[in-house]
N, C-alpha and C. Protein backbone atom coordinates (compact mmCIF):
# COMPACT_ATOMS: atom_id res chain seq x y z
N MET A 1 188.64 32.34 78.60
CA MET A 1 189.12 32.46 79.96
C MET A 1 189.39 33.93 80.31
N LEU A 2 190.02 34.64 79.39
CA LEU A 2 190.32 36.06 79.63
C LEU A 2 189.03 36.84 79.85
N LYS A 3 188.00 36.47 79.11
CA LYS A 3 186.70 37.13 79.23
C LYS A 3 186.18 37.03 80.67
N TYR A 4 186.33 35.87 81.29
CA TYR A 4 185.85 35.67 82.66
C TYR A 4 186.68 36.44 83.67
N ILE A 5 187.97 36.54 83.42
CA ILE A 5 188.84 37.31 84.31
C ILE A 5 188.46 38.78 84.27
N VAL A 6 188.21 39.29 83.07
CA VAL A 6 187.81 40.68 82.92
C VAL A 6 186.48 40.94 83.62
N LEU A 7 185.52 40.04 83.46
CA LEU A 7 184.22 40.18 84.11
C LEU A 7 184.35 40.16 85.63
N LEU A 8 185.20 39.29 86.14
CA LEU A 8 185.42 39.23 87.59
C LEU A 8 186.04 40.53 88.09
N PHE A 9 187.02 41.04 87.34
CA PHE A 9 187.67 42.30 87.71
C PHE A 9 186.65 43.44 87.74
N LEU A 10 185.79 43.51 86.73
CA LEU A 10 184.77 44.57 86.68
C LEU A 10 183.77 44.43 87.81
N ALA A 11 183.44 43.20 88.17
CA ALA A 11 182.52 42.97 89.29
C ALA A 11 183.13 43.45 90.59
N LEU A 12 184.42 43.21 90.78
CA LEU A 12 185.10 43.65 91.99
C LEU A 12 185.15 45.18 92.06
N LEU A 13 185.39 45.83 90.92
CA LEU A 13 185.37 47.29 90.88
C LEU A 13 184.01 47.81 91.29
N SER A 14 182.98 47.15 90.79
CA SER A 14 181.61 47.56 91.08
C SER A 14 181.31 47.43 92.57
N VAL A 15 181.79 46.34 93.19
CA VAL A 15 181.57 46.15 94.63
C VAL A 15 182.24 47.27 95.42
N GLU A 16 183.48 47.60 95.08
CA GLU A 16 184.17 48.69 95.78
C GLU A 16 183.44 50.01 95.59
N ALA A 17 183.00 50.28 94.37
CA ALA A 17 182.29 51.53 94.10
C ALA A 17 180.98 51.59 94.88
N ASN A 18 180.27 50.47 94.98
CA ASN A 18 179.03 50.43 95.75
C ASN A 18 179.29 50.65 97.23
N GLU A 19 180.35 50.03 97.74
CA GLU A 19 180.71 50.22 99.15
C GLU A 19 181.09 51.68 99.40
N ALA A 20 181.80 52.27 98.46
CA ALA A 20 182.20 53.67 98.59
C ALA A 20 180.98 54.58 98.60
N LEU A 21 180.03 54.29 97.74
CA LEU A 21 178.81 55.10 97.69
C LEU A 21 178.03 54.99 99.00
N GLU A 22 177.95 53.79 99.54
CA GLU A 22 177.26 53.60 100.82
C GLU A 22 177.98 54.37 101.93
N ALA A 23 179.30 54.30 101.95
CA ALA A 23 180.06 55.05 102.95
C ALA A 23 179.81 56.55 102.79
N PHE A 24 179.77 57.03 101.54
CA PHE A 24 179.51 58.44 101.29
C PHE A 24 178.12 58.82 101.79
N LYS A 25 177.13 58.01 101.48
CA LYS A 25 175.76 58.29 101.93
C LYS A 25 175.67 58.33 103.45
N ASN A 26 176.48 57.50 104.12
CA ASN A 26 176.50 57.47 105.59
C ASN A 26 177.43 58.52 106.19
N LYS A 27 177.94 59.38 105.34
CA LYS A 27 178.85 60.47 105.73
C LYS A 27 180.15 59.97 106.36
N ASP A 28 180.53 58.75 105.99
CA ASP A 28 181.83 58.20 106.39
C ASP A 28 182.80 58.53 105.26
N TYR A 29 183.15 59.81 105.17
CA TYR A 29 183.91 60.30 104.03
C TYR A 29 185.33 59.74 103.97
N ALA A 30 185.94 59.48 105.11
CA ALA A 30 187.29 58.91 105.10
C ALA A 30 187.28 57.52 104.46
N ARG A 31 186.29 56.71 104.80
CA ARG A 31 186.18 55.37 104.21
C ARG A 31 185.81 55.47 102.73
N ALA A 32 184.90 56.36 102.40
CA ALA A 32 184.51 56.56 101.00
C ALA A 32 185.73 56.97 100.18
N PHE A 33 186.54 57.88 100.73
CA PHE A 33 187.73 58.32 100.02
C PHE A 33 188.66 57.14 99.74
N LYS A 34 188.93 56.32 100.74
CA LYS A 34 189.83 55.17 100.56
C LYS A 34 189.32 54.22 99.48
N LEU A 35 188.04 53.94 99.52
CA LEU A 35 187.46 53.01 98.55
C LEU A 35 187.45 53.60 97.14
N TYR A 36 187.05 54.87 97.03
CA TYR A 36 187.05 55.51 95.72
C TYR A 36 188.47 55.64 95.18
N GLU A 37 189.42 55.93 96.07
CA GLU A 37 190.80 56.09 95.63
C GLU A 37 191.33 54.80 95.01
N LYS A 38 191.04 53.68 95.64
CA LYS A 38 191.51 52.39 95.11
C LYS A 38 190.89 52.13 93.73
N SER A 39 189.59 52.31 93.62
CA SER A 39 188.92 52.10 92.33
C SER A 39 189.39 53.08 91.27
N ALA A 40 189.62 54.32 91.68
CA ALA A 40 190.09 55.35 90.74
C ALA A 40 191.47 55.00 90.22
N GLN A 41 192.34 54.54 91.10
CA GLN A 41 193.68 54.15 90.67
C GLN A 41 193.64 52.93 89.76
N ASP A 42 192.61 52.11 89.91
CA ASP A 42 192.44 50.94 89.04
C ASP A 42 191.80 51.32 87.69
N GLY A 43 191.46 52.60 87.53
CA GLY A 43 190.97 53.07 86.24
C GLY A 43 189.47 53.26 86.12
N ASP A 44 188.73 53.14 87.22
CA ASP A 44 187.28 53.32 87.16
C ASP A 44 186.95 54.81 87.08
N ALA A 45 186.39 55.22 85.94
CA ALA A 45 186.14 56.65 85.68
C ALA A 45 185.12 57.25 86.64
N GLN A 46 184.10 56.49 87.01
CA GLN A 46 183.10 57.01 87.94
C GLN A 46 183.75 57.28 89.30
N SER A 47 184.63 56.40 89.73
CA SER A 47 185.34 56.60 90.99
C SER A 47 186.31 57.77 90.89
N GLN A 48 186.91 57.96 89.72
CA GLN A 48 187.81 59.10 89.52
C GLN A 48 187.03 60.40 89.68
N SER A 49 185.84 60.43 89.13
CA SER A 49 184.99 61.62 89.24
C SER A 49 184.58 61.86 90.69
N ALA A 50 184.22 60.78 91.39
CA ALA A 50 183.83 60.90 92.80
C ALA A 50 185.02 61.38 93.64
N LEU A 51 186.19 60.87 93.35
CA LEU A 51 187.39 61.28 94.07
C LEU A 51 187.65 62.77 93.85
N SER A 52 187.42 63.23 92.63
CA SER A 52 187.55 64.64 92.32
C SER A 52 186.63 65.47 93.21
N TYR A 53 185.40 65.02 93.37
CA TYR A 53 184.42 65.72 94.21
C TYR A 53 184.89 65.77 95.66
N LEU A 54 185.41 64.65 96.15
CA LEU A 54 185.88 64.62 97.54
C LEU A 54 187.04 65.58 97.75
N TYR A 55 187.98 65.62 96.81
CA TYR A 55 189.09 66.56 96.90
C TYR A 55 188.59 68.00 96.81
N ALA A 56 187.66 68.27 95.93
CA ALA A 56 187.15 69.63 95.74
C ALA A 56 186.47 70.17 96.99
N ASN A 57 185.84 69.28 97.74
CA ASN A 57 185.06 69.71 98.90
C ASN A 57 185.72 69.37 100.24
N GLY A 58 186.89 68.75 100.20
CA GLY A 58 187.58 68.42 101.43
C GLY A 58 186.83 67.40 102.28
N LEU A 59 186.24 66.41 101.63
CA LEU A 59 185.49 65.38 102.34
C LEU A 59 186.33 64.10 102.43
N GLY A 60 186.75 63.77 103.63
CA GLY A 60 187.56 62.57 103.83
C GLY A 60 189.02 62.75 103.49
N VAL A 61 189.35 63.95 103.04
CA VAL A 61 190.71 64.27 102.62
C VAL A 61 190.86 65.79 102.68
N GLN A 62 192.08 66.26 102.76
CA GLN A 62 192.30 67.71 102.75
C GLN A 62 191.90 68.28 101.40
N LYS A 63 191.22 69.39 101.41
CA LYS A 63 190.79 70.05 100.18
C LYS A 63 191.99 70.34 99.29
N ASP A 64 191.88 69.97 98.00
CA ASP A 64 193.01 70.16 97.08
C ASP A 64 192.45 70.34 95.67
N ALA A 65 192.38 71.59 95.22
CA ALA A 65 191.80 71.91 93.91
C ALA A 65 192.60 71.29 92.77
N LYS A 66 193.92 71.24 92.92
CA LYS A 66 194.76 70.68 91.86
C LYS A 66 194.49 69.19 91.67
N LYS A 67 194.44 68.45 92.76
CA LYS A 67 194.16 67.01 92.66
C LYS A 67 192.73 66.77 92.19
N SER A 68 191.82 67.62 92.61
CA SER A 68 190.44 67.50 92.16
C SER A 68 190.38 67.63 90.63
N PHE A 69 191.07 68.64 90.11
CA PHE A 69 191.09 68.83 88.65
C PHE A 69 191.73 67.63 87.95
N GLU A 70 192.85 67.13 88.48
CA GLU A 70 193.54 66.00 87.85
C GLU A 70 192.64 64.77 87.75
N TRP A 71 191.93 64.45 88.83
CA TRP A 71 191.04 63.28 88.80
C TRP A 71 189.84 63.52 87.89
N LEU A 72 189.32 64.73 87.88
CA LEU A 72 188.19 65.03 87.01
C LEU A 72 188.60 64.91 85.54
N LYS A 73 189.79 65.38 85.22
CA LYS A 73 190.29 65.29 83.84
C LYS A 73 190.48 63.83 83.43
N LYS A 74 191.00 63.01 84.32
CA LYS A 74 191.17 61.57 84.02
C LYS A 74 189.81 60.94 83.71
N ALA A 75 188.82 61.27 84.53
CA ALA A 75 187.49 60.70 84.32
C ALA A 75 186.89 61.20 83.00
N ALA A 76 187.06 62.47 82.72
CA ALA A 76 186.53 63.05 81.47
C ALA A 76 187.22 62.44 80.26
N ASP A 77 188.53 62.28 80.35
CA ASP A 77 189.29 61.70 79.23
C ASP A 77 189.01 60.21 79.04
N ALA A 78 188.41 59.60 80.06
CA ALA A 78 188.00 58.19 79.95
C ALA A 78 186.56 58.09 79.44
N ASN A 79 186.04 59.22 78.92
CA ASN A 79 184.71 59.29 78.33
C ASN A 79 183.56 59.11 79.32
N TYR A 80 183.78 59.50 80.57
CA TYR A 80 182.70 59.49 81.56
C TYR A 80 181.95 60.81 81.43
N SER A 81 180.75 60.75 80.87
CA SER A 81 180.04 61.96 80.46
C SER A 81 179.76 62.95 81.60
N PRO A 82 179.40 62.53 82.82
CA PRO A 82 179.22 63.53 83.87
C PRO A 82 180.51 64.32 84.15
N ALA A 83 181.65 63.65 84.07
CA ALA A 83 182.93 64.34 84.29
C ALA A 83 183.23 65.28 83.12
N GLN A 84 182.87 64.88 81.91
CA GLN A 84 183.08 65.75 80.76
C GLN A 84 182.27 67.02 80.91
N TYR A 85 181.04 66.90 81.37
CA TYR A 85 180.20 68.07 81.60
C TYR A 85 180.80 68.96 82.69
N ASP A 86 181.17 68.35 83.82
CA ASP A 86 181.74 69.12 84.93
C ASP A 86 183.02 69.84 84.51
N LEU A 87 183.88 69.13 83.79
CA LEU A 87 185.14 69.74 83.35
C LEU A 87 184.87 70.88 82.37
N GLY A 88 183.94 70.65 81.46
CA GLY A 88 183.57 71.71 80.52
C GLY A 88 183.06 72.95 81.23
N MET A 89 182.24 72.74 82.24
CA MET A 89 181.71 73.89 83.00
C MET A 89 182.82 74.58 83.79
N ASN A 90 183.78 73.80 84.30
CA ASN A 90 184.91 74.42 85.00
C ASN A 90 185.71 75.31 84.06
N TYR A 91 185.96 74.82 82.85
CA TYR A 91 186.67 75.64 81.87
C TYR A 91 185.85 76.87 81.47
N LEU A 92 184.56 76.70 81.36
CA LEU A 92 183.69 77.80 80.95
C LEU A 92 183.65 78.91 82.00
N THR A 93 183.59 78.52 83.27
CA THR A 93 183.46 79.51 84.35
C THR A 93 184.79 79.91 84.96
N GLY A 94 185.84 79.15 84.66
CA GLY A 94 187.13 79.44 85.26
C GLY A 94 187.21 78.98 86.71
N SER A 95 186.44 77.97 87.04
CA SER A 95 186.42 77.44 88.40
C SER A 95 187.66 76.59 88.66
N ASN A 96 188.57 77.12 89.45
CA ASN A 96 189.84 76.47 89.82
C ASN A 96 190.81 76.28 88.67
N ILE A 97 190.47 76.77 87.50
CA ILE A 97 191.36 76.72 86.33
C ILE A 97 191.15 77.98 85.51
N GLU A 98 192.07 78.23 84.61
CA GLU A 98 191.95 79.39 83.74
C GLU A 98 190.80 79.17 82.76
N LYS A 99 189.99 80.22 82.57
CA LYS A 99 188.89 80.12 81.61
C LYS A 99 189.44 79.78 80.23
N ASP A 100 188.74 78.87 79.56
CA ASP A 100 189.15 78.47 78.21
C ASP A 100 187.90 77.99 77.48
N SER A 101 187.28 78.90 76.73
CA SER A 101 186.01 78.55 76.08
C SER A 101 186.17 77.46 75.03
N LYS A 102 187.33 77.39 74.39
CA LYS A 102 187.56 76.34 73.40
C LYS A 102 187.54 74.96 74.07
N LYS A 103 188.29 74.82 75.17
CA LYS A 103 188.28 73.54 75.89
C LYS A 103 186.92 73.28 76.52
N ALA A 104 186.27 74.33 76.98
CA ALA A 104 184.94 74.17 77.58
C ALA A 104 183.98 73.53 76.57
N PHE A 105 183.92 74.08 75.38
CA PHE A 105 182.99 73.55 74.39
C PHE A 105 183.43 72.19 73.88
N GLU A 106 184.73 71.94 73.89
CA GLU A 106 185.23 70.62 73.49
C GLU A 106 184.70 69.54 74.44
N TYR A 107 184.79 69.79 75.75
CA TYR A 107 184.31 68.81 76.72
C TYR A 107 182.78 68.78 76.79
N LEU A 108 182.15 69.93 76.67
CA LEU A 108 180.68 69.97 76.72
C LEU A 108 180.07 69.29 75.49
N ASP A 109 180.76 69.33 74.38
CA ASP A 109 180.26 68.72 73.16
C ASP A 109 180.34 67.19 73.20
N LYS A 110 181.25 66.69 74.04
CA LYS A 110 181.39 65.23 74.14
C LYS A 110 180.18 64.65 74.80
């Protein structure tokens, strides 16, 4: 029974993420932000990474480098490889954070 509840929960996350992506593609950034935010808060790493992008670029929300970094780190720490790469590159270049080659290679190696 628990297995089916988990599958239903994952399916619902997927629906929200798909709706968010469609809103993003249609440049309805405010709606995309709301949908990604809900999924991100529910622990979806891909949505956390997308939310980071929206914060970084001020799409659907006021630009906020600190929140962008926080969501990107959550996604990277949840083993979402695109976020690990992005975070590693941020550490490597010092983009919105202090340069740290050790952390950069740690995330890039994942």
